[in-house]
Amino acid sequence: MKKPFYTYLFILIILLSFSSCGIYSFTGASISPEVKTISIKYFPNQAPLVQATLSQVFTDALKDKFISQTNLTLVPDDGDLNIEGEITDYSTKPIAITGDQTAALNRLTITVKVKFTNKFDETQNFETTFSRYEDYESTKNLSDVEDVLIEQINSYLIEDIFNKAVVNW
């Protein structure tokens, strides 16, 4: 009895996946096989304007990104990869002024300073500041849209940090 073509194709794909070098993933992360752990420290809010939950929300989201998008194990200290830093700015300001000198839009900006270290490849180490913003209508109170804006800005910042740390394109 002949086996169908698809059976052979499936077996070939499985064999090829086991023979790869193991440093690429579907997320685009390029992590050396000897790297097994990551430690991500709490990001304190050192901004002049402090939003009470921002530090915890940001730190947890950053951990979630690395846990869900890599095979790394999160450890409290001394990981093969280490990320630490602080929130240095959390501010809102008017950006689109209308003819009658009122703001049509406001901008919420969050800036984080990040230090990344790789135990196995010091050439990948960096200390960088990342900043992202979202605009909102001036007719809305910041407190009414703040949670949604923080979630959006955090996702951009975390994607930037993730890409710089482990997506070496």
N, C-alpha and C. Protein backbone atom coordinates (compact mmCIF):
# COMPACT_ATOMS: atom_id res chain seq x y z
N MET A 1 0.84 -1.18 0.00
CA MET A 1 0.00 0.00 0.00
C MET A 1 0.89 1.25 0.00
N LYS A 2 0.63 2.19 -0.91
CA LYS A 2 1.43 3.41 -1.03
C LYS A 2 0.95 4.45 -0.02
N LYS A 3 1.93 5.11 0.56
CA LYS A 3 1.59 6.21 1.48
C LYS A 3 1.37 7.47 0.65
N PRO A 4 0.42 8.29 1.05
CA PRO A 4 0.15 9.51 0.29
C PRO A 4 1.30 10.51 0.41
N PHE A 5 1.38 11.37 -0.56
CA PHE A 5 2.41 12.40 -0.64
C PHE A 5 2.44 13.26 0.62
N TYR A 6 1.27 13.59 1.16
CA TYR A 6 1.19 14.47 2.33
C TYR A 6 1.83 13.85 3.56
N THR A 7 1.80 12.55 3.67
CA THR A 7 2.45 11.88 4.79
C THR A 7 3.95 12.11 4.74
N TYR A 8 4.54 11.96 3.57
CA TYR A 8 5.97 12.18 3.41
C TYR A 8 6.33 13.66 3.65
N LEU A 9 5.49 14.54 3.18
CA LEU A 9 5.72 15.96 3.38
C LEU A 9 5.68 16.31 4.87
N PHE A 10 4.72 15.76 5.58
CA PHE A 10 4.60 16.00 7.01
C PHE A 10 5.84 15.49 7.74
N ILE A 11 6.30 14.31 7.42
CA ILE A 11 7.49 13.74 8.05
C ILE A 11 8.71 14.59 7.76
N LEU A 12 8.84 15.06 6.54
CA LEU A 12 9.97 15.90 6.16
C LEU A 12 9.97 17.20 6.96
N ILE A 13 8.81 17.81 7.12
CA ILE A 13 8.72 19.06 7.88
C ILE A 13 9.11 18.83 9.33
N ILE A 14 8.64 17.75 9.91
CA ILE A 14 8.98 17.42 11.30
C ILE A 14 10.49 17.22 11.44
N LEU A 15 11.09 16.47 10.55
CA LEU A 15 12.53 16.22 10.62
C LEU A 15 13.33 17.51 10.47
N LEU A 16 12.92 18.37 9.57
CA LEU A 16 13.62 19.63 9.37
C LEU A 16 13.50 20.53 10.59
N SER A 17 12.36 20.49 11.26
CA SER A 17 12.21 21.34 12.43
C SER A 17 13.11 20.88 13.57
N PHE A 18 13.37 19.59 13.68
CA PHE A 18 14.26 19.09 14.72
C PHE A 18 15.73 19.32 14.39
N SER A 19 16.05 19.50 13.13
CA SER A 19 17.44 19.67 12.76
C SER A 19 17.87 21.13 12.73
N SER A 20 16.98 22.06 13.01
CA SER A 20 17.35 23.47 12.99
C SER A 20 18.23 23.78 14.19
N CYS A 21 18.87 24.94 14.15
CA CYS A 21 19.80 25.28 15.21
C CYS A 21 19.11 25.77 16.47
N GLY A 22 17.83 26.05 16.41
CA GLY A 22 17.07 26.37 17.62
C GLY A 22 17.15 27.80 18.10
N ILE A 23 17.63 28.73 17.29
CA ILE A 23 17.72 30.08 17.80
C ILE A 23 16.66 31.02 17.23
N TYR A 24 15.78 30.53 16.37
CA TYR A 24 14.75 31.39 15.82
C TYR A 24 13.38 30.93 16.30
N SER A 25 12.47 31.87 16.37
CA SER A 25 11.11 31.54 16.76
C SER A 25 10.15 32.25 15.82
N PHE A 26 8.88 31.92 15.93
CA PHE A 26 7.88 32.55 15.08
C PHE A 26 7.66 34.01 15.43
N THR A 27 8.13 34.45 16.60
CA THR A 27 7.98 35.84 17.00
C THR A 27 9.07 36.72 16.43
N GLY A 28 10.07 36.14 15.81
CA GLY A 28 11.18 36.90 15.28
C GLY A 28 12.33 36.99 16.26
N ALA A 29 12.15 36.45 17.46
CA ALA A 29 13.22 36.50 18.45
C ALA A 29 14.38 35.62 18.00
N SER A 30 15.57 36.15 18.17
CA SER A 30 16.77 35.42 17.81
C SER A 30 17.61 35.29 19.08
N ILE A 31 17.42 34.20 19.78
CA ILE A 31 18.06 34.01 21.08
C ILE A 31 19.00 32.82 20.99
N SER A 32 20.21 33.04 21.42
CA SER A 32 21.22 31.99 21.39
C SER A 32 20.76 30.79 22.24
N PRO A 33 21.06 29.58 21.80
CA PRO A 33 20.58 28.39 22.52
C PRO A 33 21.07 28.27 23.96
N GLU A 34 22.23 28.86 24.29
CA GLU A 34 22.72 28.75 25.66
C GLU A 34 21.96 29.67 26.63
N VAL A 35 21.22 30.62 26.11
CA VAL A 35 20.43 31.54 26.94
C VAL A 35 19.15 30.82 27.37
N LYS A 36 18.98 30.65 28.67
CA LYS A 36 17.84 29.90 29.21
C LYS A 36 16.94 30.72 30.12
N THR A 37 17.50 31.77 30.75
CA THR A 37 16.73 32.50 31.76
C THR A 37 16.76 34.01 31.49
N ILE A 38 15.77 34.68 32.06
CA ILE A 38 15.71 36.14 31.99
C ILE A 38 15.24 36.68 33.34
N SER A 39 15.84 37.76 33.77
CA SER A 39 15.35 38.45 34.97
C SER A 39 14.93 39.86 34.55
N ILE A 40 13.76 40.24 35.01
CA ILE A 40 13.22 41.57 34.71
C ILE A 40 12.90 42.23 36.04
N LYS A 41 13.63 43.27 36.35
CA LYS A 41 13.45 43.99 37.61
C LYS A 41 12.25 44.92 37.53
N TYR A 42 11.72 45.25 38.69
CA TYR A 42 10.62 46.20 38.82
C TYR A 42 11.08 47.56 38.31
N PHE A 43 10.25 48.22 37.50
CA PHE A 43 10.55 49.53 36.94
C PHE A 43 9.90 50.61 37.83
N PRO A 44 10.66 51.25 38.71
CA PRO A 44 10.07 52.28 39.55
C PRO A 44 9.72 53.52 38.74
N ASN A 45 8.71 54.24 39.19
CA ASN A 45 8.27 55.44 38.50
C ASN A 45 9.00 56.64 39.10
N GLN A 46 9.97 57.18 38.37
CA GLN A 46 10.74 58.33 38.82
C GLN A 46 10.30 59.61 38.11
N ALA A 47 9.19 59.55 37.39
CA ALA A 47 8.68 60.71 36.65
C ALA A 47 8.19 61.77 37.62
N PRO A 48 8.25 63.06 37.21
CA PRO A 48 7.72 64.12 38.08
C PRO A 48 6.23 63.94 38.39
N LEU A 49 5.47 63.44 37.41
CA LEU A 49 4.06 63.15 37.61
C LEU A 49 3.92 61.63 37.73
N VAL A 50 3.48 61.16 38.90
CA VAL A 50 3.44 59.72 39.15
C VAL A 50 2.02 59.20 39.02
N GLN A 51 1.84 58.20 38.18
CA GLN A 51 0.57 57.49 38.06
C GLN A 51 0.71 56.24 38.94
N ALA A 52 -0.19 56.05 39.87
CA ALA A 52 -0.04 55.07 40.95
C ALA A 52 0.26 53.64 40.49
N THR A 53 -0.41 53.15 39.45
CA THR A 53 -0.26 51.74 39.08
C THR A 53 0.67 51.51 37.89
N LEU A 54 1.22 52.57 37.32
CA LEU A 54 2.00 52.45 36.08
C LEU A 54 3.20 51.51 36.22
N SER A 55 3.95 51.63 37.28
CA SER A 55 5.15 50.79 37.46
C SER A 55 4.81 49.31 37.43
N GLN A 56 3.81 48.93 38.21
CA GLN A 56 3.44 47.52 38.29
C GLN A 56 2.86 47.02 36.97
N VAL A 57 1.99 47.81 36.36
CA VAL A 57 1.37 47.42 35.09
C VAL A 57 2.43 47.25 34.01
N PHE A 58 3.36 48.20 33.93
CA PHE A 58 4.41 48.14 32.92
C PHE A 58 5.32 46.93 33.15
N THR A 59 5.79 46.74 34.37
CA THR A 59 6.69 45.63 34.68
C THR A 59 6.03 44.28 34.39
N ASP A 60 4.78 44.12 34.80
CA ASP A 60 4.07 42.86 34.56
C ASP A 60 3.88 42.60 33.07
N ALA A 61 3.55 43.64 32.32
CA ALA A 61 3.35 43.47 30.87
C ALA A 61 4.66 43.11 30.18
N LEU A 62 5.77 43.70 30.63
CA LEU A 62 7.08 43.37 30.06
C LEU A 62 7.44 41.91 30.34
N LYS A 63 7.20 41.46 31.55
CA LYS A 63 7.45 40.05 31.89
C LYS A 63 6.58 39.13 31.04
N ASP A 64 5.30 39.47 30.92
CA ASP A 64 4.37 38.66 30.13
C ASP A 64 4.84 38.53 28.68
N LYS A 65 5.35 39.60 28.12
CA LYS A 65 5.82 39.58 26.72
C LYS A 65 6.96 38.57 26.56
N PHE A 66 7.94 38.62 27.43
CA PHE A 66 9.08 37.72 27.30
C PHE A 66 8.71 36.27 27.62
N ILE A 67 7.81 36.07 28.55
CA ILE A 67 7.38 34.70 28.88
C ILE A 67 6.58 34.11 27.74
N SER A 68 5.68 34.90 27.15
CA SER A 68 4.79 34.36 26.12
C SER A 68 5.45 34.27 24.74
N GLN A 69 6.46 35.08 24.48
CA GLN A 69 7.06 35.13 23.14
C GLN A 69 8.41 34.45 23.03
N THR A 70 8.93 33.92 24.14
CA THR A 70 10.21 33.21 24.12
C THR A 70 10.09 31.94 24.95
N ASN A 71 11.12 31.12 24.90
CA ASN A 71 11.18 29.92 25.75
C ASN A 71 11.99 30.17 27.01
N LEU A 72 12.26 31.41 27.33
CA LEU A 72 13.07 31.75 28.49
C LEU A 72 12.28 31.55 29.78
N THR A 73 13.00 31.18 30.82
CA THR A 73 12.41 31.03 32.15
C THR A 73 12.67 32.31 32.93
N LEU A 74 11.64 32.87 33.52
CA LEU A 74 11.77 34.08 34.32
C LEU A 74 12.32 33.72 35.69
N VAL A 75 13.42 34.37 36.06
CA VAL A 75 14.03 34.18 37.38
C VAL A 75 14.12 35.54 38.06
N PRO A 76 14.10 35.56 39.40
CA PRO A 76 14.09 36.86 40.10
C PRO A 76 15.39 37.66 39.93
N ASP A 77 16.52 36.97 39.90
CA ASP A 77 17.82 37.66 39.84
C ASP A 77 18.79 36.88 38.97
N ASP A 78 19.76 37.61 38.43
CA ASP A 78 20.92 37.00 37.76
C ASP A 78 20.55 36.07 36.60
N GLY A 79 19.63 36.51 35.75
CA GLY A 79 19.28 35.74 34.57
C GLY A 79 20.37 35.83 33.51
N ASP A 80 20.30 34.93 32.54
CA ASP A 80 21.23 35.01 31.42
C ASP A 80 21.03 36.33 30.68
N LEU A 81 19.79 36.76 30.59
CA LEU A 81 19.45 38.09 30.10
C LEU A 81 18.88 38.86 31.29
N ASN A 82 19.19 40.14 31.37
CA ASN A 82 18.69 40.95 32.48
C ASN A 82 18.16 42.27 31.93
N ILE A 83 16.96 42.64 32.39
CA ILE A 83 16.37 43.91 32.01
C ILE A 83 16.01 44.66 33.28
N GLU A 84 16.46 45.91 33.35
CA GLU A 84 16.13 46.76 34.48
C GLU A 84 16.00 48.19 33.99
N GLY A 85 15.40 49.03 34.79
CA GLY A 85 15.26 50.41 34.39
C GLY A 85 14.28 51.16 35.25
N GLU A 86 13.80 52.27 34.69
CA GLU A 86 12.89 53.12 35.42
C GLU A 86 12.02 53.91 34.45
N ILE A 87 10.87 54.32 34.95
CA ILE A 87 10.00 55.20 34.19
C ILE A 87 10.47 56.62 34.50
N THR A 88 10.90 57.35 33.47
CA THR A 88 11.48 58.67 33.70
C THR A 88 10.54 59.82 33.36
N ASP A 89 9.49 59.55 32.59
CA ASP A 89 8.55 60.61 32.25
C ASP A 89 7.16 60.05 32.07
N TYR A 90 6.21 60.76 32.61
CA TYR A 90 4.78 60.50 32.42
C TYR A 90 4.15 61.88 32.38
N SER A 91 3.79 62.33 31.18
CA SER A 91 3.31 63.70 31.07
C SER A 91 2.21 63.82 30.03
N THR A 92 1.42 64.85 30.21
CA THR A 92 0.39 65.17 29.24
C THR A 92 0.51 66.64 28.90
N LYS A 93 0.30 66.94 27.61
CA LYS A 93 0.38 68.34 27.19
C LYS A 93 -0.48 68.55 25.95
N PRO A 94 -0.94 69.78 25.75
CA PRO A 94 -1.74 70.08 24.56
C PRO A 94 -0.85 70.09 23.32
N ILE A 95 -1.40 69.60 22.19
CA ILE A 95 -0.57 69.58 20.98
C ILE A 95 -1.22 70.24 19.78
N ALA A 96 -2.51 70.20 19.66
CA ALA A 96 -3.18 70.78 18.49
C ALA A 96 -4.01 71.97 18.95
N ILE A 97 -3.46 73.15 18.73
CA ILE A 97 -4.13 74.37 19.18
C ILE A 97 -5.04 74.89 18.06
N THR A 98 -6.26 75.20 18.44
CA THR A 98 -7.23 75.71 17.45
C THR A 98 -7.10 77.22 17.33
N GLY A 99 -7.86 77.80 16.44
CA GLY A 99 -7.82 79.23 16.18
C GLY A 99 -8.16 80.09 17.39
N ASP A 100 -8.96 79.56 18.29
CA ASP A 100 -9.32 80.34 19.48
C ASP A 100 -8.42 80.02 20.68
N GLN A 101 -7.21 79.52 20.38
CA GLN A 101 -6.18 79.25 21.39
C GLN A 101 -6.56 78.18 22.41
N THR A 102 -7.41 77.22 22.00
CA THR A 102 -7.70 76.08 22.86
C THR A 102 -7.14 74.83 22.21
N ALA A 103 -6.86 73.85 23.02
CA ALA A 103 -6.29 72.60 22.49
C ALA A 103 -7.38 71.69 21.97
N ALA A 104 -7.16 71.17 20.78
CA ALA A 104 -8.09 70.19 20.22
C ALA A 104 -7.67 68.78 20.64
N LEU A 105 -6.35 68.60 20.82
CA LEU A 105 -5.81 67.31 21.23
C LEU A 105 -4.80 67.49 22.35
N ASN A 106 -4.74 66.49 23.20
CA ASN A 106 -3.69 66.40 24.21
C ASN A 106 -2.88 65.15 23.93
N ARG A 107 -1.66 65.12 24.42
CA ARG A 107 -0.77 63.98 24.20
C ARG A 107 -0.27 63.46 25.54
N LEU A 108 -0.47 62.16 25.77
CA LEU A 108 0.10 61.49 26.93
C LEU A 108 1.37 60.79 26.48
N THR A 109 2.48 61.09 27.15
CA THR A 109 3.78 60.51 26.80
C THR A 109 4.33 59.74 27.99
N ILE A 110 4.86 58.57 27.71
CA ILE A 110 5.56 57.77 28.73
C ILE A 110 6.95 57.47 28.21
N THR A 111 7.95 57.69 29.07
CA THR A 111 9.34 57.43 28.71
C THR A 111 9.95 56.49 29.74
N VAL A 112 10.67 55.48 29.25
CA VAL A 112 11.35 54.54 30.14
C VAL A 112 12.82 54.45 29.76
N LYS A 113 13.65 54.35 30.77
CA LYS A 113 15.08 54.13 30.58
C LYS A 113 15.32 52.65 30.86
N VAL A 114 15.98 51.96 29.92
CA VAL A 114 16.15 50.51 30.02
C VAL A 114 17.63 50.15 29.92
N LYS A 115 18.07 49.26 30.81
CA LYS A 115 19.41 48.68 30.74
C LYS A 115 19.24 47.19 30.49
N PHE A 116 19.80 46.71 29.38
CA PHE A 116 19.72 45.30 29.00
C PHE A 116 21.12 44.71 29.00
N THR A 117 21.27 43.56 29.65
CA THR A 117 22.55 42.86 29.64
C THR A 117 22.34 41.40 29.25
N ASN A 118 23.29 40.91 28.46
CA ASN A 118 23.30 39.53 27.99
C ASN A 118 24.60 38.92 28.48
N LYS A 119 24.52 37.92 29.37
CA LYS A 119 25.70 37.28 29.95
C LYS A 119 26.61 36.64 28.90
N PHE A 120 26.02 36.17 27.83
CA PHE A 120 26.77 35.41 26.85
C PHE A 120 27.29 36.24 25.68
N ASP A 121 26.72 37.41 25.45
CA ASP A 121 27.12 38.24 24.32
C ASP A 121 27.04 39.71 24.70
N GLU A 122 28.13 40.24 25.22
CA GLU A 122 28.16 41.62 25.69
C GLU A 122 27.95 42.64 24.58
N THR A 123 28.12 42.24 23.34
CA THR A 123 27.90 43.17 22.23
C THR A 123 26.42 43.53 22.10
N GLN A 124 25.55 42.73 22.69
CA GLN A 124 24.11 43.01 22.63
C GLN A 124 23.63 43.90 23.79
N ASN A 125 24.49 44.16 24.75
CA ASN A 125 24.11 45.01 25.89
C ASN A 125 23.78 46.42 25.41
N PHE A 126 22.79 47.02 26.07
CA PHE A 126 22.47 48.41 25.75
C PHE A 126 21.84 49.11 26.94
N GLU A 127 21.93 50.43 26.90
CA GLU A 127 21.24 51.29 27.84
C GLU A 127 20.59 52.37 26.98
N THR A 128 19.26 52.34 26.89
CA THR A 128 18.53 53.19 25.96
C THR A 128 17.28 53.75 26.61
N THR A 129 16.87 54.90 26.13
CA THR A 129 15.61 55.49 26.56
C THR A 129 14.58 55.29 25.44
N PHE A 130 13.43 54.78 25.82
CA PHE A 130 12.32 54.56 24.88
C PHE A 130 11.18 55.49 25.26
N SER A 131 10.56 56.10 24.28
CA SER A 131 9.45 57.02 24.55
C SER A 131 8.36 56.79 23.52
N ARG A 132 7.13 56.75 23.99
CA ARG A 132 5.96 56.61 23.11
C ARG A 132 4.84 57.48 23.64
N TYR A 133 3.90 57.79 22.77
CA TYR A 133 2.79 58.65 23.16
C TYR A 133 1.51 58.23 22.44
N GLU A 134 0.41 58.72 22.97
CA GLU A 134 -0.91 58.58 22.36
C GLU A 134 -1.63 59.91 22.55
N ASP A 135 -2.37 60.31 21.52
CA ASP A 135 -3.15 61.55 21.59
C ASP A 135 -4.59 61.23 21.97
N TYR A 136 -5.21 62.19 22.64
CA TYR A 136 -6.62 62.05 23.00
C TYR A 136 -7.30 63.42 22.90
N GLU A 137 -8.59 63.39 22.69
CA GLU A 137 -9.35 64.63 22.52
C GLU A 137 -9.33 65.45 23.81
N SER A 138 -9.17 66.74 23.65
CA SER A 138 -9.10 67.62 24.82
C SER A 138 -10.44 67.74 25.53
N THR A 139 -11.50 67.31 24.87
CA THR A 139 -12.82 67.35 25.52
C THR A 139 -12.97 66.23 26.55
N LYS A 140 -12.03 65.29 26.54
CA LYS A 140 -12.07 64.17 27.49
C LYS A 140 -11.10 64.42 28.63
N ASN A 141 -11.50 64.00 29.82
CA ASN A 141 -10.59 64.06 30.96
C ASN A 141 -9.58 62.94 30.86
N LEU A 142 -8.35 63.22 31.23
CA LEU A 142 -7.32 62.19 31.20
C LEU A 142 -7.73 60.97 32.01
N SER A 143 -8.34 61.19 33.16
CA SER A 143 -8.74 60.07 34.02
C SER A 143 -9.74 59.14 33.34
N ASP A 144 -10.51 59.67 32.38
CA ASP A 144 -11.50 58.85 31.67
C ASP A 144 -10.86 57.94 30.62
N VAL A 145 -9.73 58.35 30.06
CA VAL A 145 -9.10 57.59 28.97
C VAL A 145 -7.73 57.04 29.36
N GLU A 146 -7.28 57.34 30.56
CA GLU A 146 -5.93 57.02 31.00
C GLU A 146 -5.59 55.53 30.92
N ASP A 147 -6.46 54.67 31.41
CA ASP A 147 -6.16 53.23 31.41
C ASP A 147 -5.96 52.69 30.00
N VAL A 148 -6.80 53.11 29.07
CA VAL A 148 -6.69 52.66 27.68
C VAL A 148 -5.41 53.20 27.05
N LEU A 149 -5.12 54.48 27.30
CA LEU A 149 -3.90 55.08 26.74
C LEU A 149 -2.64 54.41 27.29
N ILE A 150 -2.62 54.14 28.58
CA ILE A 150 -1.47 53.48 29.20
C ILE A 150 -1.27 52.10 28.59
N GLU A 151 -2.35 51.36 28.41
CA GLU A 151 -2.25 50.03 27.81
C GLU A 151 -1.66 50.10 26.40
N GLN A 152 -2.13 51.06 25.60
CA GLN A 152 -1.62 51.21 24.24
C GLN A 152 -0.15 51.62 24.23
N ILE A 153 0.19 52.62 25.02
CA ILE A 153 1.58 53.10 25.07
C ILE A 153 2.50 52.00 25.59
N ASN A 154 2.08 51.31 26.64
CA ASN A 154 2.89 50.21 27.17
C ASN A 154 3.15 49.15 26.11
N SER A 155 2.14 48.81 25.33
CA SER A 155 2.35 47.78 24.31
C SER A 155 3.39 48.23 23.28
N TYR A 156 3.38 49.50 22.90
CA TYR A 156 4.40 50.02 21.97
C TYR A 156 5.79 49.99 22.60
N LEU A 157 5.88 50.47 23.85
CA LEU A 157 7.18 50.49 24.53
C LEU A 157 7.75 49.08 24.70
N ILE A 158 6.89 48.15 25.10
CA ILE A 158 7.33 46.77 25.32
C ILE A 158 7.76 46.13 24.01
N GLU A 159 7.05 46.40 22.95
CA GLU A 159 7.45 45.88 21.64
C GLU A 159 8.82 46.44 21.23
N ASP A 160 9.04 47.73 21.48
CA ASP A 160 10.34 48.35 21.17
C ASP A 160 11.46 47.69 21.98
N ILE A 161 11.23 47.49 23.26
CA ILE A 161 12.25 46.87 24.13
C ILE A 161 12.50 45.44 23.69
N PHE A 162 11.45 44.68 23.46
CA PHE A 162 11.57 43.29 23.01
C PHE A 162 12.38 43.20 21.72
N ASN A 163 12.02 44.05 20.77
CA ASN A 163 12.72 44.03 19.46
C ASN A 163 14.20 44.37 19.62
N LYS A 164 14.52 45.37 20.43
CA LYS A 164 15.93 45.76 20.60
C LYS A 164 16.70 44.68 21.35
N ALA A 165 16.05 44.01 22.28
CA ALA A 165 16.73 43.02 23.12
C ALA A 165 16.94 41.68 22.42
N VAL A 166 15.92 41.17 21.72
CA VAL A 166 16.03 39.79 21.21
C VAL A 166 15.68 39.60 19.75
N VAL A 167 15.28 40.65 19.07
CA VAL A 167 15.00 40.52 17.63
C VAL A 167 16.13 41.22 16.90
N ASN A 168 17.12 40.48 16.52
CA ASN A 168 18.35 41.06 15.95
C ASN A 168 18.31 41.04 14.43
N TRP A 169 17.41 41.79 13.86
CA TRP A 169 17.27 41.81 12.40
C TRP A 169 18.18 42.86 11.83
